[in-house]
Amino acid sequence: GNQSTDYNRIRDFARFPELRFLNKYYLLPPIMLGTAVFFTLGASGLFFGFFASTVLLWHGTFTINSLSHVFGKRRFATTDHSRNNWLLAIVTMGEGWHNNHHRYCASTRQGFYWYEYDITYYILKALSFVGLVWKLQPVPAAVLEEGRASDVRHGRMAPVLAAPVMPSPVSLRRT
């Protein structure tokens, strides 16, 4: 981009040379992907498999900071207007559990409970099993309990009847 990155503000990311490389050469991955799609699927493949899918991805992403602050349910009393929206969670592979994210943003998963599907989390969990990602941050038990108490107050009993699936933190160290 037009701005230089202040690595002092993101020391945890700055220690990875691959992330610094991608920050510097951010156009390289999309150019390589577009080229590969063109040579394997042709011009129509490039249009649908790269350009149209990218535009849809952008719009899906943009709905989170617009629509999920307007439509959905608020499980947690946060200082903003964020809401959990199951339909947006489908479109964005889990990002629609936006109120959960605003309540505890340090968690790897945004679908805090077993019935809140979070495809992105499932992918990250699978990658952790093969050692490609590590240190996945779970939702603290106190936050989960707070959410269940809110569900009871608002007459949503399903979460109380079913035990949540608790992610176990991954303690793999990068060597």
C-alpha atoms as a PDB file:
ATOM      1  CA  GLY A   1       0.000   0.000   0.000  1.00  0.00           C
ATOM      2  CA  ASN A   2       0.885   3.631   0.273  1.00  0.00           C
ATOM      3  CA  GLN A   3       1.675   3.404   3.972  1.00  0.00           C
ATOM      4  CA  SER A   4       4.645   1.773   5.613  1.00  0.00           C
ATOM      5  CA  THR A   5       3.919  -0.747   8.345  1.00  0.00           C
ATOM      6  CA  ASP A   6       4.858   0.156  11.895  1.00  0.00           C
ATOM      7  CA  TYR A   7       6.176  -3.223  13.025  1.00  0.00           C
ATOM      8  CA  ASN A   8       6.491  -1.943  16.609  1.00  0.00           C
ATOM      9  CA  ARG A   9       2.678  -2.025  16.782  1.00  0.00           C
ATOM     10  CA  ILE A  10       2.472  -5.657  15.624  1.00  0.00           C
ATOM     11  CA  ARG A  11       5.541  -7.303  17.110  1.00  0.00           C
ATOM     12  CA  ASP A  12       3.836 -10.691  17.364  1.00  0.00           C
ATOM     13  CA  PHE A  13       3.268 -10.726  13.579  1.00  0.00           C
ATOM     14  CA  ALA A  14       6.506  -8.964  12.668  1.00  0.00           C
ATOM     15  CA  ARG A  15       8.631 -11.846  13.927  1.00  0.00           C
ATOM     16  CA  PHE A  16       7.427 -14.043  11.037  1.00  0.00           C
ATOM     17  CA  PRO A  17       9.442 -13.441   7.859  1.00  0.00           C
ATOM     18  CA  GLU A  18       6.661 -14.865   5.665  1.00  0.00           C
ATOM     19  CA  LEU A  19       4.219 -12.224   6.959  1.00  0.00           C
ATOM     20  CA  ARG A  20       6.741  -9.435   6.397  1.00  0.00           C
ATOM     21  CA  PHE A  21       7.265 -10.788   2.854  1.00  0.00           C
ATOM     22  CA  LEU A  22       3.511 -10.808   2.167  1.00  0.00           C
ATOM     23  CA  ASN A  23       3.219  -7.308   3.583  1.00  0.00           C
ATOM     24  CA  LYS A  24       5.896  -6.058   1.195  1.00  0.00           C
ATOM     25  CA  TYR A  25       4.753  -8.038  -1.875  1.00  0.00           C
ATOM     26  CA  TYR A  26       0.996  -8.043  -1.230  1.00  0.00           C
ATOM     27  CA  LEU A  27       0.142  -8.093  -4.952  1.00  0.00           C
ATOM     28  CA  LEU A  28       2.169 -11.232  -5.652  1.00  0.00           C
ATOM     29  CA  PRO A  29      -0.351 -13.823  -4.320  1.00  0.00           C
ATOM     30  CA  PRO A  30      -3.383 -12.482  -6.255  1.00  0.00           C
ATOM     31  CA  ILE A  31      -1.336 -12.095  -9.447  1.00  0.00           C
ATOM     32  CA  MET A  32      -0.042 -15.656  -9.116  1.00  0.00           C
ATOM     33  CA  LEU A  33      -3.522 -17.000  -8.372  1.00  0.00           C
ATOM     34  CA  GLY A  34      -5.100 -15.087 -11.253  1.00  0.00           C
ATOM     35  CA  THR A  35      -2.407 -16.334 -13.624  1.00  0.00           C
ATOM     36  CA  ALA A  36      -2.837 -19.931 -12.475  1.00  0.00           C
ATOM     37  CA  VAL A  37      -6.626 -19.722 -12.837  1.00  0.00           C
ATOM     38  CA  PHE A  38      -6.309 -18.230 -16.328  1.00  0.00           C
ATOM     39  CA  PHE A  39      -3.899 -20.906 -17.551  1.00  0.00           C
ATOM     40  CA  THR A  40      -5.946 -23.770 -16.079  1.00  0.00           C
ATOM     41  CA  LEU A  41      -9.518 -22.552 -16.695  1.00  0.00           C
ATOM     42  CA  GLY A  42      -9.225 -19.889 -19.406  1.00  0.00           C
ATOM     43  CA  ALA A  43     -10.792 -16.431 -19.586  1.00  0.00           C
ATOM     44  CA  SER A  44     -14.198 -17.496 -18.235  1.00  0.00           C
ATOM     45  CA  GLY A  45     -12.457 -19.269 -15.360  1.00  0.00           C
ATOM     46  CA  LEU A  46     -10.496 -16.106 -14.642  1.00  0.00           C
ATOM     47  CA  PHE A  47     -13.688 -14.046 -14.638  1.00  0.00           C
ATOM     48  CA  PHE A  48     -15.758 -16.348 -12.408  1.00  0.00           C
ATOM     49  CA  GLY A  49     -13.024 -18.114 -10.472  1.00  0.00           C
ATOM     50  CA  PHE A  50     -11.041 -15.018  -9.658  1.00  0.00           C
ATOM     51  CA  PHE A  51     -12.717 -11.651 -10.337  1.00  0.00           C
ATOM     52  CA  ALA A  52     -16.374 -12.453  -9.568  1.00  0.00           C
ATOM     53  CA  SER A  53     -15.468 -14.601  -6.556  1.00  0.00           C
ATOM     54  CA  THR A  54     -13.230 -11.811  -5.209  1.00  0.00           C
ATOM     55  CA  VAL A  55     -16.014  -9.237  -5.528  1.00  0.00           C
ATOM     56  CA  LEU A  56     -18.438 -11.600  -3.740  1.00  0.00           C
ATOM     57  CA  LEU A  57     -15.859 -12.200  -1.029  1.00  0.00           C
ATOM     58  CA  TRP A  58     -15.425  -8.462  -0.518  1.00  0.00           C
ATOM     59  CA  HIS A  59     -19.168  -7.897  -0.281  1.00  0.00           C
ATOM     60  CA  GLY A  60     -19.562 -10.786   2.148  1.00  0.00           C
ATOM     61  CA  THR A  61     -16.808  -9.314   4.291  1.00  0.00           C
ATOM     62  CA  PHE A  62     -18.250  -5.805   4.147  1.00  0.00           C
ATOM     63  CA  THR A  63     -21.626  -7.054   5.429  1.00  0.00           C
ATOM     64  CA  ILE A  64     -20.049  -7.813   8.786  1.00  0.00           C
ATOM     65  CA  ASN A  65     -19.284  -4.201   9.688  1.00  0.00           C
ATOM     66  CA  SER A  66     -22.564  -2.976   8.252  1.00  0.00           C
ATOM     67  CA  LEU A  67     -25.412  -5.494   8.434  1.00  0.00           C
ATOM     68  CA  SER A  68     -24.232  -7.314  11.552  1.00  0.00           C
ATOM     69  CA  HIS A  69     -24.442  -4.071  13.470  1.00  0.00           C
ATOM     70  CA  VAL A  70     -28.098  -3.748  12.435  1.00  0.00           C
ATOM     71  CA  PHE A  71     -29.685  -7.214  12.080  1.00  0.00           C
ATOM     72  CA  GLY A  72     -29.458 -10.120  14.508  1.00  0.00           C
ATOM     73  CA  LYS A  73     -29.419 -10.897  18.205  1.00  0.00           C
ATOM     74  CA  ARG A  74     -27.291  -9.414  20.952  1.00  0.00           C
ATOM     75  CA  ARG A  75     -26.254 -12.142  23.385  1.00  0.00           C
ATOM     76  CA  PHE A  76     -23.662  -9.960  25.111  1.00  0.00           C
ATOM     77  CA  ALA A  77     -24.086  -6.363  26.276  1.00  0.00           C
ATOM     78  CA  THR A  78     -21.178  -4.709  24.465  1.00  0.00           C
ATOM     79  CA  THR A  79     -20.433  -1.015  24.030  1.00  0.00           C
ATOM     80  CA  ASP A  80     -21.387  -1.134  20.341  1.00  0.00           C
ATOM     81  CA  HIS A  81     -24.365  -2.346  18.313  1.00  0.00           C
ATOM     82  CA  SER A  82     -22.827  -5.649  17.154  1.00  0.00           C
ATOM     83  CA  ARG A  83     -25.175  -8.568  16.623  1.00  0.00           C
ATOM     84  CA  ASN A  84     -24.964 -12.290  15.944  1.00  0.00           C
ATOM     85  CA  ASN A  85     -26.530 -13.140  12.590  1.00  0.00           C
ATOM     86  CA  TRP A  86     -26.735 -16.804  11.524  1.00  0.00           C
ATOM     87  CA  LEU A  87     -27.292 -15.968   7.843  1.00  0.00           C
ATOM     88  CA  LEU A  88     -24.191 -13.778   7.699  1.00  0.00           C
ATOM     89  CA  ALA A  89     -22.299 -16.542   9.534  1.00  0.00           C
ATOM     90  CA  ILE A  90     -23.117 -18.850   6.616  1.00  0.00           C
ATOM     91  CA  VAL A  91     -22.031 -16.279   4.010  1.00  0.00           C
ATOM     92  CA  THR A  92     -18.806 -15.421   5.822  1.00  0.00           C
ATOM     93  CA  MET A  93     -17.864 -18.856   7.207  1.00  0.00           C
ATOM     94  CA  GLY A  94     -18.423 -17.844  10.838  1.00  0.00           C
ATOM     95  CA  GLU A  95     -17.801 -14.108  10.941  1.00  0.00           C
ATOM     96  CA  GLY A  96     -21.523 -13.478  11.419  1.00  0.00           C
ATOM     97  CA  TRP A  97     -21.200 -14.239  15.134  1.00  0.00           C
ATOM     98  CA  HIS A  98     -20.121 -10.640  15.456  1.00  0.00           C
ATOM     99  CA  ASN A  99     -21.512  -9.870  18.916  1.00  0.00           C
ATOM    100  CA  ASN A 100     -19.518 -12.826  20.262  1.00  0.00           C
ATOM    101  CA  HIS A 101     -16.413 -11.385  18.602  1.00  0.00           C
ATOM    102  CA  HIS A 102     -17.006  -7.954  20.139  1.00  0.00           C
ATOM    103  CA  ARG A 103     -17.456  -9.541  23.576  1.00  0.00           C
ATOM    104  CA  TYR A 104     -14.196 -11.506  23.419  1.00  0.00           C
ATOM    105  CA  CYS A 105     -12.124 -10.757  20.315  1.00  0.00           C
ATOM    106  CA  ALA A 106      -9.025 -12.689  21.470  1.00  0.00           C
ATOM    107  CA  SER A 107     -10.725 -16.030  20.802  1.00  0.00           C
ATOM    108  CA  THR A 108      -9.863 -17.987  17.674  1.00  0.00           C
ATOM    109  CA  ARG A 109     -13.491 -18.939  17.228  1.00  0.00           C
ATOM    110  CA  GLN A 110     -16.385 -16.564  16.756  1.00  0.00           C
ATOM    111  CA  GLY A 111     -19.091 -19.183  17.076  1.00  0.00           C
ATOM    112  CA  PHE A 112     -18.727 -19.653  20.816  1.00  0.00           C
ATOM    113  CA  TYR A 113     -21.176 -22.564  21.193  1.00  0.00           C
ATOM    114  CA  TRP A 114     -21.493 -25.911  19.379  1.00  0.00           C
ATOM    115  CA  TYR A 115     -24.609 -24.773  17.488  1.00  0.00           C
ATOM    116  CA  GLU A 116     -22.887 -21.619  16.180  1.00  0.00           C
ATOM    117  CA  TYR A 117     -21.104 -23.002  13.122  1.00  0.00           C
ATOM    118  CA  ASP A 118     -17.782 -21.369  12.442  1.00  0.00           C
ATOM    119  CA  ILE A 119     -16.187 -22.899   9.353  1.00  0.00           C
ATOM    120  CA  THR A 120     -13.115 -20.669   9.642  1.00  0.00           C
ATOM    121  CA  TYR A 121     -12.471 -22.000  13.141  1.00  0.00           C
ATOM    122  CA  TYR A 122     -12.902 -25.600  11.994  1.00  0.00           C
ATOM    123  CA  ILE A 123     -10.326 -25.022   9.244  1.00  0.00           C
ATOM    124  CA  LEU A 124      -7.892 -23.423  11.703  1.00  0.00           C
ATOM    125  CA  LYS A 125      -8.431 -26.305  14.134  1.00  0.00           C
ATOM    126  CA  ALA A 126      -7.666 -28.832  11.365  1.00  0.00           C
ATOM    127  CA  LEU A 127      -4.531 -26.883  10.427  1.00  0.00           C
ATOM    128  CA  SER A 128      -3.454 -26.961  14.073  1.00  0.00           C
ATOM    129  CA  PHE A 129      -3.594 -30.775  14.061  1.00  0.00           C
ATOM    130  CA  VAL A 130      -0.976 -30.872  11.290  1.00  0.00           C
ATOM    131  CA  GLY A 131       1.172 -28.149  12.852  1.00  0.00           C
ATOM    132  CA  LEU A 132       0.530 -25.329  10.376  1.00  0.00           C
ATOM    133  CA  VAL A 133      -1.068 -23.081  13.008  1.00  0.00           C
ATOM    134  CA  TRP A 134      -0.730 -23.117  16.772  1.00  0.00           C
ATOM    135  CA  LYS A 135      -1.788 -21.425  19.984  1.00  0.00           C
ATOM    136  CA  LEU A 136      -5.484 -21.260  19.122  1.00  0.00           C
ATOM    137  CA  GLN A 137      -7.133 -19.157  21.806  1.00  0.00           C
ATOM    138  CA  PRO A 138     -10.262 -20.639  23.415  1.00  0.00           C
ATOM    139  CA  VAL A 139     -13.245 -18.721  24.738  1.00  0.00           C
ATOM    140  CA  PRO A 140     -12.856 -18.395  28.526  1.00  0.00           C
ATOM    141  CA  ALA A 141     -15.369 -20.394  30.572  1.00  0.00           C
ATOM    142  CA  ALA A 142     -16.552 -17.199  32.294  1.00  0.00           C
ATOM    143  CA  VAL A 143     -17.495 -15.649  28.936  1.00  0.00           C
ATOM    144  CA  LEU A 144     -19.355 -18.815  27.889  1.00  0.00           C
ATOM    145  CA  GLU A 145     -21.221 -18.824  31.200  1.00  0.00           C
ATOM    146  CA  GLU A 146     -22.112 -15.150  30.767  1.00  0.00           C
ATOM    147  CA  GLY A 147     -23.584 -15.950  27.347  1.00  0.00           C
ATOM    148  CA  ARG A 148     -25.603 -18.893  28.689  1.00  0.00           C
ATOM    149  CA  ALA A 149     -26.967 -16.711  31.500  1.00  0.00           C
ATOM    150  CA  SER A 150     -27.997 -14.119  28.902  1.00  0.00           C
ATOM    151  CA  ASP A 151     -29.756 -16.831  26.871  1.00  0.00           C
ATOM    152  CA  VAL A 152     -31.725 -17.920  29.947  1.00  0.00           C
ATOM    153  CA  ARG A 153     -32.746 -14.318  30.704  1.00  0.00           C
ATOM    154  CA  HIS A 154     -33.961 -13.892  27.137  1.00  0.00           C
ATOM    155  CA  GLY A 155     -35.863 -17.191  27.004  1.00  0.00           C
ATOM    156  CA  ARG A 156     -33.473 -19.041  24.701  1.00  0.00           C
ATOM    157  CA  MET A 157     -33.190 -22.403  26.461  1.00  0.00           C
ATOM    158  CA  ALA A 158     -31.440 -24.549  23.815  1.00  0.00           C
ATOM    159  CA  PRO A 159     -27.956 -23.408  24.854  1.00  0.00           C
ATOM    160  CA  VAL A 160     -28.669 -24.342  28.471  1.00  0.00           C
ATOM    161  CA  LEU A 161     -29.823 -27.848  27.586  1.00  0.00           C
ATOM    162  CA  ALA A 162     -26.777 -28.666  25.482  1.00  0.00           C
ATOM    163  CA  ALA A 163     -23.211 -28.520  26.727  1.00  0.00           C
ATOM    164  CA  PRO A 164     -20.934 -26.329  24.628  1.00  0.00           C
ATOM    165  CA  VAL A 165     -17.965 -27.808  22.833  1.00  0.00           C
ATOM    166  CA  MET A 166     -14.925 -26.313  24.479  1.00  0.00           C
ATOM    167  CA  PRO A 167     -11.872 -25.903  22.283  1.00  0.00           C
ATOM    168  CA  SER A 168      -8.675 -27.005  23.891  1.00  0.00           C
ATOM    169  CA  PRO A 169      -5.814 -24.561  23.493  1.00  0.00           C
ATOM    170  CA  VAL A 170      -3.142 -25.755  21.140  1.00  0.00           C
ATOM    171  CA  SER A 171       0.239 -25.597  22.764  1.00  0.00           C
ATOM    172  CA  LEU A 172       2.407 -26.453  19.781  1.00  0.00           C
ATOM    173  CA  ARG A 173       5.498 -24.320  19.649  1.00  0.00           C
ATOM    174  CA  ARG A 174       7.096 -23.191  16.431  1.00  0.00           C
ATOM    175  CA  THR A 175      10.677 -24.376  16.187  1.00  0.00           C
END
